[in-house]
Amino acid sequence: RQARAGVACPVAAAPTLLMASADDTDVPPAVSTALATALGASLLPLPGSHVGPLLGRQAAAAAAQAVEWLNGVALRA
């Protein structure tokens, strides 16, 4: 809300991963893509609804993908 209101939000200095649900109607994928671009973040699109990837049957797979991303970041450091 603050970013939409024009309040400057600091960009993280650390590598950032944004996980976004492809079928999210609360936060549409285009918004997630724009946020990732603005932050210089990696974007990981996931199947499912708003909280489905975190709380649904695919939660373990989403967590594994996040770990894989983190391991890749660690290797580049």
N, C-alpha and C. Protein backbone atom coordinates (compact mmCIF):
# COMPACT_ATOMS: atom_id res chain seq x y z
N ARG A 1 0.82 -1.19 0.00
CA ARG A 1 0.00 0.00 0.00
C ARG A 1 0.86 1.24 0.00
N GLN A 2 1.93 1.21 0.76
CA GLN A 2 2.78 2.39 0.82
C GLN A 2 3.44 2.66 -0.52
N ALA A 3 3.89 1.61 -1.19
CA ALA A 3 4.52 1.81 -2.50
C ALA A 3 3.53 2.39 -3.49
N ARG A 4 2.29 1.89 -3.46
CA ARG A 4 1.27 2.44 -4.36
C ARG A 4 0.93 3.87 -4.02
N ALA A 5 1.07 4.24 -2.76
CA ALA A 5 0.78 5.60 -2.33
C ALA A 5 1.94 6.55 -2.64
N GLY A 6 3.03 6.01 -3.16
CA GLY A 6 4.16 6.85 -3.51
C GLY A 6 5.23 6.94 -2.45
N VAL A 7 5.08 6.19 -1.35
CA VAL A 7 6.09 6.18 -0.31
C VAL A 7 7.27 5.37 -0.80
N ALA A 8 8.46 5.93 -0.73
CA ALA A 8 9.65 5.22 -1.20
C ALA A 8 9.94 4.04 -0.28
N CYS A 9 10.09 2.89 -0.88
CA CYS A 9 10.41 1.67 -0.14
C CYS A 9 11.85 1.31 -0.46
N PRO A 10 12.66 1.06 0.55
CA PRO A 10 14.06 0.71 0.26
C PRO A 10 14.16 -0.64 -0.44
N VAL A 11 15.13 -0.74 -1.32
CA VAL A 11 15.39 -1.99 -2.02
C VAL A 11 16.42 -2.76 -1.22
N ALA A 12 16.18 -4.05 -1.03
CA ALA A 12 17.10 -4.89 -0.27
C ALA A 12 18.45 -4.97 -0.97
N ALA A 13 19.50 -4.95 -0.20
CA ALA A 13 20.84 -5.09 -0.76
C ALA A 13 21.15 -6.55 -1.07
N ALA A 14 20.48 -7.45 -0.39
CA ALA A 14 20.70 -8.88 -0.58
C ALA A 14 19.88 -9.38 -1.77
N PRO A 15 20.31 -10.46 -2.39
CA PRO A 15 19.49 -11.06 -3.44
C PRO A 15 18.10 -11.38 -2.89
N THR A 16 17.11 -11.16 -3.71
CA THR A 16 15.72 -11.31 -3.26
C THR A 16 14.96 -12.22 -4.22
N LEU A 17 14.17 -13.10 -3.64
CA LEU A 17 13.31 -13.99 -4.42
C LEU A 17 11.87 -13.63 -4.14
N LEU A 18 11.12 -13.39 -5.18
CA LEU A 18 9.70 -13.14 -5.05
C LEU A 18 8.96 -14.34 -5.63
N MET A 19 8.19 -15.01 -4.80
CA MET A 19 7.41 -16.17 -5.23
C MET A 19 5.99 -15.69 -5.45
N ALA A 20 5.45 -15.94 -6.65
CA ALA A 20 4.14 -15.41 -7.00
C ALA A 20 3.25 -16.51 -7.57
N SER A 21 2.03 -16.52 -7.15
CA SER A 21 1.06 -17.50 -7.62
C SER A 21 0.49 -17.08 -8.97
N ALA A 22 0.47 -18.01 -9.90
CA ALA A 22 0.01 -17.73 -11.25
C ALA A 22 -1.48 -17.40 -11.31
N ASP A 23 -2.27 -17.97 -10.40
CA ASP A 23 -3.72 -17.77 -10.42
C ASP A 23 -4.19 -16.88 -9.28
N ASP A 24 -3.30 -16.04 -8.78
CA ASP A 24 -3.62 -15.16 -7.66
C ASP A 24 -4.55 -14.04 -8.11
N THR A 25 -5.71 -13.93 -7.47
CA THR A 25 -6.62 -12.83 -7.79
C THR A 25 -6.48 -11.69 -6.78
N ASP A 26 -5.82 -11.95 -5.64
CA ASP A 26 -5.57 -10.89 -4.66
C ASP A 26 -4.39 -10.03 -5.08
N VAL A 27 -3.34 -10.67 -5.54
CA VAL A 27 -2.16 -9.98 -6.06
C VAL A 27 -1.91 -10.56 -7.46
N PRO A 28 -2.44 -9.91 -8.48
CA PRO A 28 -2.31 -10.44 -9.84
C PRO A 28 -0.85 -10.64 -10.26
N PRO A 29 -0.58 -11.64 -11.08
CA PRO A 29 0.78 -11.90 -11.52
C PRO A 29 1.49 -10.68 -12.12
N ALA A 30 0.77 -9.84 -12.82
CA ALA A 30 1.40 -8.64 -13.40
C ALA A 30 1.95 -7.73 -12.31
N VAL A 31 1.27 -7.65 -11.18
CA VAL A 31 1.74 -6.83 -10.07
C VAL A 31 3.01 -7.43 -9.47
N SER A 32 3.01 -8.74 -9.31
CA SER A 32 4.20 -9.42 -8.79
C SER A 32 5.39 -9.25 -9.73
N THR A 33 5.14 -9.35 -11.01
CA THR A 33 6.21 -9.16 -11.99
C THR A 33 6.77 -7.75 -11.92
N ALA A 34 5.89 -6.77 -11.83
CA ALA A 34 6.34 -5.37 -11.73
C ALA A 34 7.14 -5.14 -10.46
N LEU A 35 6.70 -5.73 -9.36
CA LEU A 35 7.42 -5.57 -8.09
C LEU A 35 8.80 -6.21 -8.18
N ALA A 36 8.87 -7.42 -8.73
CA ALA A 36 10.16 -8.08 -8.87
C ALA A 36 11.11 -7.25 -9.73
N THR A 37 10.59 -6.69 -10.80
CA THR A 37 11.40 -5.85 -11.67
C THR A 37 11.89 -4.62 -10.93
N ALA A 38 10.99 -3.97 -10.20
CA ALA A 38 11.36 -2.75 -9.46
C ALA A 38 12.41 -3.03 -8.39
N LEU A 39 12.36 -4.22 -7.81
CA LEU A 39 13.30 -4.58 -6.74
C LEU A 39 14.57 -5.23 -7.27
N GLY A 40 14.58 -5.56 -8.55
CA GLY A 40 15.71 -6.30 -9.08
C GLY A 40 15.74 -7.72 -8.52
N ALA A 41 14.57 -8.24 -8.21
CA ALA A 41 14.44 -9.55 -7.58
C ALA A 41 14.25 -10.64 -8.62
N SER A 42 14.60 -11.85 -8.23
CA SER A 42 14.26 -13.03 -9.04
C SER A 42 12.79 -13.32 -8.83
N LEU A 43 12.13 -13.75 -9.88
CA LEU A 43 10.70 -14.06 -9.79
C LEU A 43 10.51 -15.55 -10.03
N LEU A 44 9.83 -16.20 -9.11
CA LEU A 44 9.51 -17.62 -9.25
C LEU A 44 8.00 -17.76 -9.31
N PRO A 45 7.46 -17.93 -10.52
CA PRO A 45 6.01 -18.14 -10.64
C PRO A 45 5.66 -19.55 -10.20
N LEU A 46 4.60 -19.66 -9.43
CA LEU A 46 4.14 -20.95 -8.92
C LEU A 46 2.69 -21.18 -9.31
N PRO A 47 2.32 -22.42 -9.53
CA PRO A 47 0.91 -22.69 -9.83
C PRO A 47 0.07 -22.51 -8.57
N GLY A 48 -1.17 -22.11 -8.77
CA GLY A 48 -2.07 -22.02 -7.63
C GLY A 48 -2.61 -20.64 -7.38
N SER A 49 -3.37 -20.57 -6.29
CA SER A 49 -4.04 -19.33 -5.90
C SER A 49 -3.16 -18.52 -4.94
N HIS A 50 -3.75 -17.56 -4.29
CA HIS A 50 -3.02 -16.60 -3.46
C HIS A 50 -2.08 -17.27 -2.46
N VAL A 51 -2.56 -18.12 -1.61
CA VAL A 51 -1.71 -18.76 -0.61
C VAL A 51 -1.51 -20.25 -0.87
N GLY A 52 -2.05 -20.74 -1.97
CA GLY A 52 -1.95 -22.15 -2.30
C GLY A 52 -0.54 -22.71 -2.27
N PRO A 53 0.43 -22.03 -2.89
CA PRO A 53 1.79 -22.58 -2.89
C PRO A 53 2.41 -22.68 -1.49
N LEU A 54 1.94 -21.90 -0.57
CA LEU A 54 2.50 -21.95 0.78
C LEU A 54 1.73 -22.86 1.72
N LEU A 55 0.43 -22.97 1.49
CA LEU A 55 -0.39 -23.74 2.42
C LEU A 55 -1.02 -24.98 1.79
N GLY A 56 -0.94 -25.11 0.48
CA GLY A 56 -1.59 -26.21 -0.22
C GLY A 56 -0.69 -27.42 -0.37
N ARG A 57 -1.13 -28.31 -1.22
CA ARG A 57 -0.42 -29.57 -1.44
C ARG A 57 0.96 -29.38 -2.05
N GLN A 58 1.16 -28.26 -2.71
CA GLN A 58 2.44 -28.01 -3.37
C GLN A 58 3.42 -27.23 -2.49
N ALA A 59 3.10 -27.06 -1.21
CA ALA A 59 3.96 -26.27 -0.32
C ALA A 59 5.37 -26.84 -0.25
N ALA A 60 5.51 -28.14 -0.15
CA ALA A 60 6.84 -28.74 -0.06
C ALA A 60 7.64 -28.48 -1.34
N ALA A 61 6.97 -28.55 -2.49
CA ALA A 61 7.65 -28.29 -3.76
C ALA A 61 8.08 -26.82 -3.84
N ALA A 62 7.23 -25.92 -3.37
CA ALA A 62 7.58 -24.49 -3.38
C ALA A 62 8.77 -24.24 -2.46
N ALA A 63 8.77 -24.87 -1.30
CA ALA A 63 9.89 -24.72 -0.37
C ALA A 63 11.18 -25.27 -0.99
N ALA A 64 11.08 -26.40 -1.67
CA ALA A 64 12.26 -26.98 -2.32
C ALA A 64 12.81 -26.06 -3.40
N GLN A 65 11.92 -25.39 -4.12
CA GLN A 65 12.37 -24.45 -5.15
C GLN A 65 13.06 -23.24 -4.51
N ALA A 66 12.55 -22.79 -3.38
CA ALA A 66 13.19 -21.68 -2.68
C ALA A 66 14.58 -22.08 -2.19
N VAL A 67 14.70 -23.29 -1.67
CA VAL A 67 16.01 -23.78 -1.21
C VAL A 67 16.97 -23.88 -2.39
N GLU A 68 16.49 -24.37 -3.52
CA GLU A 68 17.32 -24.46 -4.72
C GLU A 68 17.82 -23.08 -5.13
N TRP A 69 16.93 -22.09 -5.09
CA TRP A 69 17.32 -20.71 -5.42
C TRP A 69 18.37 -20.21 -4.43
N LEU A 70 18.13 -20.44 -3.14
CA LEU A 70 19.09 -20.01 -2.12
C LEU A 70 20.45 -20.66 -2.32
N ASN A 71 20.46 -21.94 -2.64
CA ASN A 71 21.73 -22.63 -2.88
C ASN A 71 22.46 -22.03 -4.08
N GLY A 72 21.71 -21.65 -5.10
CA GLY A 72 22.31 -21.01 -6.26
C GLY A 72 22.90 -19.66 -5.93
N VAL A 73 22.22 -18.91 -5.07
CA VAL A 73 22.72 -17.61 -4.64
C VAL A 73 24.00 -17.79 -3.83
N ALA A 74 24.02 -18.79 -2.96
CA ALA A 74 25.19 -19.04 -2.12
C ALA A 74 26.40 -19.41 -2.98
N LEU A 75 26.17 -20.15 -4.04
CA LEU A 75 27.27 -20.56 -4.91
C LEU A 75 27.87 -19.38 -5.66
N ARG A 76 27.03 -18.38 -5.95
CA ARG A 76 27.51 -17.19 -6.67
C ARG A 76 28.22 -16.20 -5.76
N ALA A 77 28.03 -16.35 -4.45
CA ALA A 77 28.62 -15.38 -3.50
C ALA A 77 30.10 -15.59 -3.30
